[in-house]
Amino acid sequence: MAARMTGLLHSSDQRGPFPPFQMVIVSQQGTVLFQCEVNRNGKVRHAHAAGQVRRSHFPATVFFTDRSQVTRTFQIERAKKAEA
């Protein structure tokens, strides 16, 4: 998911995002569901999930902050079942 978000930023932002990135996913109740750092190579480091993420946590908001301290927000409307 972090790699997909990084790809979206590269394609949509004219000036381009500046890695590394901080990504935080917050539920509609205000609970931090997941947080991580994405390095320059797109690899996730220091990932932390706050327990089991459930469909009831959605919609959720993603905060994506780059090295220049620019924060972008995205809305995840619903959870998609992970493919095996």
PDB file of N, CA and C in Angstrom:
ATOM      1  N   MET A   1       0.817  -1.185   0.000  1.00  0.00           N
ATOM      2  CA  MET A   1       0.000   0.000   0.000  1.00  0.00           C
ATOM      3  C   MET A   1       0.870   1.261   0.000  1.00  0.00           C
ATOM      4  N   ALA A   2       1.930   1.251   0.784  1.00  0.00           N
ATOM      5  CA  ALA A   2       2.805   2.420   0.835  1.00  0.00           C
ATOM      6  C   ALA A   2       3.436   2.685  -0.521  1.00  0.00           C
ATOM      7  N   ALA A   3       3.842   1.639  -1.217  1.00  0.00           N
ATOM      8  CA  ALA A   3       4.429   1.806  -2.546  1.00  0.00           C
ATOM      9  C   ALA A   3       3.400   2.360  -3.527  1.00  0.00           C
ATOM     10  N   ARG A   4       2.163   1.903  -3.430  1.00  0.00           N
ATOM     11  CA  ARG A   4       1.101   2.404  -4.308  1.00  0.00           C
ATOM     12  C   ARG A   4       0.839   3.887  -4.054  1.00  0.00           C
ATOM     13  N   MET A   5       0.823   4.294  -2.784  1.00  0.00           N
ATOM     14  CA  MET A   5       0.609   5.700  -2.439  1.00  0.00           C
ATOM     15  C   MET A   5       1.752   6.563  -2.979  1.00  0.00           C
ATOM     16  N   THR A   6       2.983   6.065  -2.869  1.00  0.00           N
ATOM     17  CA  THR A   6       4.131   6.799  -3.388  1.00  0.00           C
ATOM     18  C   THR A   6       4.005   6.987  -4.895  1.00  0.00           C
ATOM     19  N   GLY A   7       3.559   5.946  -5.596  1.00  0.00           N
ATOM     20  CA  GLY A   7       3.343   6.042  -7.036  1.00  0.00           C
ATOM     21  C   GLY A   7       2.287   7.072  -7.388  1.00  0.00           C
ATOM     22  N   LEU A   8       1.225   7.139  -6.615  1.00  0.00           N
ATOM     23  CA  LEU A   8       0.183   8.141  -6.846  1.00  0.00           C
ATOM     24  C   LEU A   8       0.730   9.555  -6.680  1.00  0.00           C
ATOM     25  N   LEU A   9       1.548   9.742  -5.691  1.00  0.00           N
ATOM     26  CA  LEU A   9       2.131  11.064  -5.460  1.00  0.00           C
ATOM     27  C   LEU A   9       3.047  11.475  -6.601  1.00  0.00           C
ATOM     28  N   HIS A  10       3.858  10.546  -7.079  1.00  0.00           N
ATOM     29  CA  HIS A  10       4.774  10.865  -8.176  1.00  0.00           C
ATOM     30  C   HIS A  10       4.014  11.256  -9.433  1.00  0.00           C
ATOM     31  N   SER A  11       2.872  10.625  -9.673  1.00  0.00           N
ATOM     32  CA  SER A  11       2.125  10.910 -10.895  1.00  0.00           C
ATOM     33  C   SER A  11       1.235  12.138 -10.784  1.00  0.00           C
ATOM     34  N   SER A  12       0.903  12.571  -9.555  1.00  0.00           N
ATOM     35  CA  SER A  12      -0.054  13.662  -9.401  1.00  0.00           C
ATOM     36  C   SER A  12       0.559  14.991  -8.951  1.00  0.00           C
ATOM     37  N   ASP A  13       1.751  14.974  -8.413  1.00  0.00           N
ATOM     38  CA  ASP A  13       2.335  16.188  -7.859  1.00  0.00           C
ATOM     39  C   ASP A  13       3.367  16.758  -8.833  1.00  0.00           C
ATOM     40  N   GLN A  14       3.188  17.995  -9.251  1.00  0.00           N
ATOM     41  CA  GLN A  14       4.063  18.628 -10.221  1.00  0.00           C
ATOM     42  C   GLN A  14       5.507  18.756  -9.722  1.00  0.00           C
ATOM     43  N   ARG A  15       5.672  19.155  -8.477  1.00  0.00           N
ATOM     44  CA  ARG A  15       7.023  19.363  -7.967  1.00  0.00           C
ATOM     45  C   ARG A  15       7.640  18.072  -7.440  1.00  0.00           C
ATOM     46  N   GLY A  16       6.830  17.062  -7.279  1.00  0.00           N
ATOM     47  CA  GLY A  16       7.318  15.779  -6.808  1.00  0.00           C
ATOM     48  C   GLY A  16       7.500  15.734  -5.310  1.00  0.00           C
ATOM     49  N   PRO A  17       7.192  14.614  -4.690  1.00  0.00           N
ATOM     50  CA  PRO A  17       7.408  14.444  -3.252  1.00  0.00           C
ATOM     51  C   PRO A  17       8.889  14.175  -2.969  1.00  0.00           C
ATOM     52  N   PHE A  18       9.303  14.444  -1.753  1.00  0.00           N
ATOM     53  CA  PHE A  18      10.696  14.266  -1.359  1.00  0.00           C
ATOM     54  C   PHE A  18      10.806  13.157  -0.321  1.00  0.00           C
ATOM     55  N   PRO A  19      11.353  11.996  -0.708  1.00  0.00           N
ATOM     56  CA  PRO A  19      11.505  10.917   0.259  1.00  0.00           C
ATOM     57  C   PRO A  19      12.544  11.276   1.310  1.00  0.00           C
ATOM     58  N   PRO A  20      12.551  10.666   2.485  1.00  0.00           N
ATOM     59  CA  PRO A  20      11.629   9.631   2.948  1.00  0.00           C
ATOM     60  C   PRO A  20      10.270  10.202   3.347  1.00  0.00           C
ATOM     61  N   PHE A  21       9.295   9.321   3.444  1.00  0.00           N
ATOM     62  CA  PHE A  21       7.927   9.701   3.767  1.00  0.00           C
ATOM     63  C   PHE A  21       7.505   9.082   5.088  1.00  0.00           C
ATOM     64  N   GLN A  22       6.603   9.755   5.784  1.00  0.00           N
ATOM     65  CA  GLN A  22       5.919   9.199   6.945  1.00  0.00           C
ATOM     66  C   GLN A  22       4.475   8.967   6.516  1.00  0.00           C
ATOM     67  N   MET A  23       3.948   7.782   6.776  1.00  0.00           N
ATOM     68  CA  MET A  23       2.565   7.481   6.430  1.00  0.00           C
ATOM     69  C   MET A  23       1.836   7.048   7.693  1.00  0.00           C
ATOM     70  N   VAL A  24       0.683   7.668   7.962  1.00  0.00           N
ATOM     71  CA  VAL A  24      -0.139   7.332   9.124  1.00  0.00           C
ATOM     72  C   VAL A  24      -1.565   7.151   8.639  1.00  0.00           C
ATOM     73  N   ILE A  25      -2.196   6.035   9.018  1.00  0.00           N
ATOM     74  CA  ILE A  25      -3.600   5.777   8.679  1.00  0.00           C
ATOM     75  C   ILE A  25      -4.414   5.892   9.962  1.00  0.00           C
ATOM     76  N   VAL A  26      -5.441   6.751   9.933  1.00  0.00           N
ATOM     77  CA  VAL A  26      -6.265   7.039  11.099  1.00  0.00           C
ATOM     78  C   VAL A  26      -7.707   6.635  10.794  1.00  0.00           C
ATOM     79  N   SER A  27      -8.336   5.903  11.708  1.00  0.00           N
ATOM     80  CA  SER A  27      -9.724   5.460  11.523  1.00  0.00           C
ATOM     81  C   SER A  27     -10.684   6.631  11.679  1.00  0.00           C
ATOM     82  N   GLN A  28     -11.935   6.391  11.328  1.00  0.00           N
ATOM     83  CA  GLN A  28     -12.954   7.439  11.482  1.00  0.00           C
ATOM     84  C   GLN A  28     -13.192   7.786  12.941  1.00  0.00           C
ATOM     85  N   GLN A  29     -12.796   6.915  13.862  1.00  0.00           N
ATOM     86  CA  GLN A  29     -12.924   7.195  15.295  1.00  0.00           C
ATOM     87  C   GLN A  29     -11.705   7.935  15.849  1.00  0.00           C
ATOM     88  N   GLY A  30     -10.681   8.156  15.010  1.00  0.00           N
ATOM     89  CA  GLY A  30      -9.486   8.865  15.443  1.00  0.00           C
ATOM     90  C   GLY A  30      -8.366   7.973  15.943  1.00  0.00           C
ATOM     91  N   THR A  31      -8.495   6.668  15.782  1.00  0.00           N
ATOM     92  CA  THR A  31      -7.480   5.722  16.219  1.00  0.00           C
ATOM     93  C   THR A  31      -6.413   5.560  15.140  1.00  0.00           C
ATOM     94  N   VAL A  32      -5.139   5.592  15.535  1.00  0.00           N
ATOM     95  CA  VAL A  32      -4.062   5.329  14.583  1.00  0.00           C
ATOM     96  C   VAL A  32      -4.045   3.825  14.310  1.00  0.00           C
ATOM     97  N   LEU A  33      -4.316   3.457  13.058  1.00  0.00           N
ATOM     98  CA  LEU A  33      -4.373   2.050  12.677  1.00  0.00           C
ATOM     99  C   LEU A  33      -3.014   1.527  12.241  1.00  0.00           C
ATOM    100  N   PHE A  34      -2.249   2.383  11.562  1.00  0.00           N
ATOM    101  CA  PHE A  34      -0.982   1.945  10.993  1.00  0.00           C
ATOM    102  C   PHE A  34      -0.101   3.166  10.788  1.00  0.00           C
ATOM    103  N   GLN A  35       1.191   2.991  11.024  1.00  0.00           N
ATOM    104  CA  GLN A  35       2.135   4.055  10.709  1.00  0.00           C
ATOM    105  C   GLN A  35       3.450   3.431  10.264  1.00  0.00           C
ATOM    106  N   CYS A  36       4.140   4.115   9.360  1.00  0.00           N
ATOM    107  CA  CYS A  36       5.404   3.603   8.863  1.00  0.00           C
ATOM    108  C   CYS A  36       6.213   4.732   8.235  1.00  0.00           C
ATOM    109  N   GLU A  37       7.447   4.414   7.919  1.00  0.00           N
ATOM    110  CA  GLU A  37       8.313   5.296   7.150  1.00  0.00           C
ATOM    111  C   GLU A  37       8.650   4.563   5.856  1.00  0.00           C
ATOM    112  N   VAL A  38       8.607   5.292   4.754  1.00  0.00           N
ATOM    113  CA  VAL A  38       8.967   4.737   3.449  1.00  0.00           C
ATOM    114  C   VAL A  38      10.259   5.418   3.028  1.00  0.00           C
ATOM    115  N   ASN A  39      11.323   4.616   2.775  1.00  0.00           N
ATOM    116  CA  ASN A  39      12.614   5.217   2.451  1.00  0.00           C
ATOM    117  C   ASN A  39      12.698   5.627   0.979  1.00  0.00           C
ATOM    118  N   ARG A  40      13.845   6.116   0.575  1.00  0.00           N
ATOM    119  CA  ARG A  40      14.045   6.613  -0.795  1.00  0.00           C
ATOM    120  C   ARG A  40      13.812   5.549  -1.862  1.00  0.00           C
ATOM    121  N   ASN A  41      14.009   4.284  -1.509  1.00  0.00           N
ATOM    122  CA  ASN A  41      13.841   3.176  -2.457  1.00  0.00           C
ATOM    123  C   ASN A  41      12.428   2.603  -2.463  1.00  0.00           C
ATOM    124  N   GLY A  42      11.524   3.199  -1.701  1.00  0.00           N
ATOM    125  CA  GLY A  42      10.152   2.711  -1.641  1.00  0.00           C
ATOM    126  C   GLY A  42       9.950   1.572  -0.667  1.00  0.00           C
ATOM    127  N   LYS A  43      10.949   1.260   0.136  1.00  0.00           N
ATOM    128  CA  LYS A  43      10.849   0.181   1.119  1.00  0.00           C
ATOM    129  C   LYS A  43      10.274   0.717   2.424  1.00  0.00           C
ATOM    130  N   VAL A  44       9.403  -0.075   3.023  1.00  0.00           N
ATOM    131  CA  VAL A  44       8.775   0.312   4.288  1.00  0.00           C
ATOM    132  C   VAL A  44       9.703  -0.041   5.438  1.00  0.00           C
ATOM    133  N   ARG A  45       9.944   0.965   6.301  1.00  0.00           N
ATOM    134  CA  ARG A  45      10.751   0.756   7.501  1.00  0.00           C
ATOM    135  C   ARG A  45       9.943   1.204   8.703  1.00  0.00           C
ATOM    136  N   HIS A  46      10.242   0.632   9.835  1.00  0.00           N
ATOM    137  CA  HIS A  46       9.621   1.042  11.100  1.00  0.00           C
ATOM    138  C   HIS A  46       8.090   0.997  11.032  1.00  0.00           C
ATOM    139  N   ALA A  47       7.559  -0.071  10.481  1.00  0.00           N
ATOM    140  CA  ALA A  47       6.097  -0.213  10.402  1.00  0.00           C
ATOM    141  C   ALA A  47       5.541  -0.600  11.764  1.00  0.00           C
ATOM    142  N   HIS A  48       4.368  -0.053  12.067  1.00  0.00           N
ATOM    143  CA  HIS A  48       3.700  -0.363  13.329  1.00  0.00           C
ATOM    144  C   HIS A  48       2.196  -0.375  13.092  1.00  0.00           C
ATOM    145  N   ALA A  49       1.606  -1.526  13.295  1.00  0.00           N
ATOM    146  CA  ALA A  49       0.146  -1.647  13.215  1.00  0.00           C
ATOM    147  C   ALA A  49      -0.403  -1.689  14.631  1.00  0.00           C
ATOM    148  N   ALA A  50      -1.450  -0.939  14.863  1.00  0.00           N
ATOM    149  CA  ALA A  50      -2.053  -0.875  16.197  1.00  0.00           C
ATOM    150  C   ALA A  50      -3.153  -1.921  16.318  1.00  0.00           C
ATOM    151  N   GLY A  51      -2.767  -3.171  16.269  1.00  0.00           N
ATOM    152  CA  GLY A  51      -3.741  -4.251  16.383  1.00  0.00           C
ATOM    153  C   GLY A  51      -4.343  -4.643  15.040  1.00  0.00           C
ATOM    154  N   GLN A  52      -5.420  -5.372  15.100  1.00  0.00           N
ATOM    155  CA  GLN A  52      -6.109  -5.874  13.918  1.00  0.00           C
ATOM    156  C   GLN A  52      -6.882  -4.748  13.235  1.00  0.00           C
ATOM    157  N   VAL A  53      -6.633  -4.556  11.946  1.00  0.00           N
ATOM    158  CA  VAL A  53      -7.392  -3.561  11.180  1.00  0.00           C
ATOM    159  C   VAL A  53      -8.639  -4.260  10.640  1.00  0.00           C
ATOM    160  N   ARG A  54      -9.796  -3.682  10.928  1.00  0.00           N
ATOM    161  CA  ARG A  54     -11.073  -4.285  10.548  1.00  0.00           C
ATOM    162  C   ARG A  54     -11.821  -3.391   9.567  1.00  0.00           C
ATOM    163  N   ARG A  55     -12.750  -3.982   8.869  1.00  0.00           N
ATOM    164  CA  ARG A  55     -13.563  -3.209   7.923  1.00  0.00           C
ATOM    165  C   ARG A  55     -14.324  -2.085   8.617  1.00  0.00           C
ATOM    166  N   SER A  56     -14.646  -2.282   9.873  1.00  0.00           N
ATOM    167  CA  SER A  56     -15.389  -1.253  10.619  1.00  0.00           C
ATOM    168  C   SER A  56     -14.549   0.001  10.869  1.00  0.00           C
ATOM    169  N   HIS A  57     -13.228  -0.074  10.658  1.00  0.00           N
ATOM    170  CA  HIS A  57     -12.360   1.090  10.825  1.00  0.00           C
ATOM    171  C   HIS A  57     -12.456   2.059   9.647  1.00  0.00           C
ATOM    172  N   PHE A  58     -13.123   1.649   8.597  1.00  0.00           N
ATOM    173  CA  PHE A  58     -13.187   2.465   7.383  1.00  0.00           C
ATOM    174  C   PHE A  58     -14.540   3.127   7.252  1.00  0.00           C
ATOM    175  N   PRO A  59     -14.605   4.323   6.644  1.00  0.00           N
ATOM    176  CA  PRO A  59     -13.531   4.998   5.926  1.00  0.00           C
ATOM    177  C   PRO A  59     -12.435   5.472   6.877  1.00  0.00           C
ATOM    178  N   ALA A  60     -11.210   5.554   6.332  1.00  0.00           N
ATOM    179  CA  ALA A  60     -10.048   5.998   7.112  1.00  0.00           C
ATOM    180  C   ALA A  60      -9.310   7.082   6.329  1.00  0.00           C
ATOM    181  N   THR A  61      -8.508   7.839   7.032  1.00  0.00           N
ATOM    182  CA  THR A  61      -7.738   8.915   6.411  1.00  0.00           C
ATOM    183  C   THR A  61      -6.261   8.566   6.465  1.00  0.00           C
ATOM    184  N   VAL A  62      -5.567   8.805   5.353  1.00  0.00           N
ATOM    185  CA  VAL A  62      -4.124   8.589   5.276  1.00  0.00           C
ATOM    186  C   VAL A  62      -3.436   9.947   5.261  1.00  0.00           C
ATOM    187  N   PHE A  63      -2.476  10.123   6.152  1.00  0.00           N
ATOM    188  CA  PHE A  63      -1.639  11.316   6.158  1.00  0.00           C
ATOM    189  C   PHE A  63      -0.268  10.902   5.657  1.00  0.00           C
ATOM    190  N   PHE A  64       0.194  11.550   4.613  1.00  0.00           N
ATOM    191  CA  PHE A  64       1.446  11.211   3.946  1.00  0.00           C
ATOM    192  C   PHE A  64       2.327  12.457   3.985  1.00  0.00           C
ATOM    193  N   THR A  65       3.390  12.441   4.787  1.00  0.00           N
ATOM    194  CA  THR A  65       4.253  13.610   4.966  1.00  0.00           C
ATOM    195  C   THR A  65       5.633  13.321   4.400  1.00  0.00           C
ATOM    196  N   ASP A  66       6.122  14.233   3.545  1.00  0.00           N
ATOM    197  CA  ASP A  66       7.447  14.021   2.964  1.00  0.00           C
ATOM    198  C   ASP A  66       8.512  14.803   3.720  1.00  0.00           C
ATOM    199  N   ARG A  67       9.750  14.686   3.263  1.00  0.00           N
ATOM    200  CA  ARG A  67      10.895  15.302   3.927  1.00  0.00           C
ATOM    201  C   ARG A  67      10.762  16.817   4.038  1.00  0.00           C
ATOM    202  N   SER A  68      10.073  17.443   3.077  1.00  0.00           N
ATOM    203  CA  SER A  68       9.915  18.901   3.114  1.00  0.00           C
ATOM    204  C   SER A  68       8.774  19.332   4.043  1.00  0.00           C
ATOM    205  N   GLN A  69       8.193  18.372   4.775  1.00  0.00           N
ATOM    206  CA  GLN A  69       7.105  18.596   5.733  1.00  0.00           C
ATOM    207  C   GLN A  69       5.784  18.983   5.069  1.00  0.00           C
ATOM    208  N   VAL A  70       5.641  18.643   3.793  1.00  0.00           N
ATOM    209  CA  VAL A  70       4.361  18.817   3.108  1.00  0.00           C
ATOM    210  C   VAL A  70       3.530  17.579   3.410  1.00  0.00           C
ATOM    211  N   THR A  71       2.304  17.783   3.902  1.00  0.00           N
ATOM    212  CA  THR A  71       1.422  16.664   4.237  1.00  0.00           C
ATOM    213  C   THR A  71       0.275  16.615   3.246  1.00  0.00           C
ATOM    214  N   ARG A  72       0.052  15.428   2.704  1.00  0.00           N
ATOM    215  CA  ARG A  72      -1.066  15.197   1.796  1.00  0.00           C
ATOM    216  C   ARG A  72      -2.015  14.242   2.496  1.00  0.00           C
ATOM    217  N   THR A  73      -3.305  14.393   2.259  1.00  0.00           N
ATOM    218  CA  THR A  73      -4.280  13.492   2.874  1.00  0.00           C
ATOM    219  C   THR A  73      -5.054  12.768   1.784  1.00  0.00           C
ATOM    220  N   PHE A  74      -5.386  11.524   2.079  1.00  0.00           N
ATOM    221  CA  PHE A  74      -6.176  10.682   1.200  1.00  0.00           C
ATOM    222  C   PHE A  74      -7.257  10.025   2.027  1.00  0.00           C
ATOM    223  N   GLN A  75      -8.367   9.722   1.405  1.00  0.00           N
ATOM    224  CA  GLN A  75      -9.454   9.017   2.073  1.00  0.00           C
ATOM    225  C   GLN A  75      -9.534   7.602   1.505  1.00  0.00           C
ATOM    226  N   ILE A  76      -9.530   6.601   2.383  1.00  0.00           N
ATOM    227  CA  ILE A  76      -9.762   5.212   1.980  1.00  0.00           C
ATOM    228  C   ILE A  76     -11.205   4.918   2.347  1.00  0.00           C
ATOM    229  N   GLU A  77     -12.030   4.739   1.347  1.00  0.00           N
ATOM    230  CA  GLU A  77     -13.463   4.553   1.583  1.00  0.00           C
ATOM    231  C   GLU A  77     -13.806   3.197   2.179  1.00  0.00           C
ATOM    232  N   ARG A  78     -13.160   2.154   1.678  1.00  0.00           N
ATOM    233  CA  ARG A  78     -13.448   0.816   2.208  1.00  0.00           C
ATOM    234  C   ARG A  78     -12.223  -0.061   2.097  1.00  0.00           C
ATOM    235  N   ALA A  79     -12.179  -1.068   2.932  1.00  0.00           N
ATOM    236  CA  ALA A  79     -11.073  -2.003   2.936  1.00  0.00           C
ATOM    237  C   ALA A  79     -11.301  -3.046   1.854  1.00  0.00           C
ATOM    238  N   LYS A  80     -10.228  -3.426   1.211  1.00  0.00           N
ATOM    239  CA  LYS A  80     -10.302  -4.465   0.196  1.00  0.00           C
ATOM    240  C   LYS A  80      -9.619  -5.696   0.775  1.00  0.00           C
ATOM    241  N   LYS A  81     -10.219  -6.843   0.600  1.00  0.00           N
ATOM    242  CA  LYS A  81      -9.670  -8.076   1.137  1.00  0.00           C
ATOM    243  C   LYS A  81      -8.317  -8.358   0.474  1.00  0.00           C
ATOM    244  N   ALA A  82      -7.318  -8.677   1.296  1.00  0.00           N
ATOM    245  CA  ALA A  82      -5.977  -8.944   0.797  1.00  0.00           C
ATOM    246  C   ALA A  82      -5.969 -10.195  -0.063  1.00  0.00           C
ATOM    247  N   GLU A  83      -5.214 -10.115  -1.167  1.00  0.00           N
ATOM    248  CA  GLU A  83      -5.081 -11.277  -2.049  1.00  0.00           C
ATOM    249  C   GLU A  83      -3.954 -12.168  -1.557  1.00  0.00           C
ATOM    250  N   ALA A  84      -4.162 -13.453  -1.640  1.00  0.00           N
ATOM    251  CA  ALA A  84      -3.155 -14.399  -1.139  1.00  0.00           C
ATOM    252  C   ALA A  84      -2.041 -14.622  -2.124  1.00  0.00           C
TER     253      ALA A  84
END
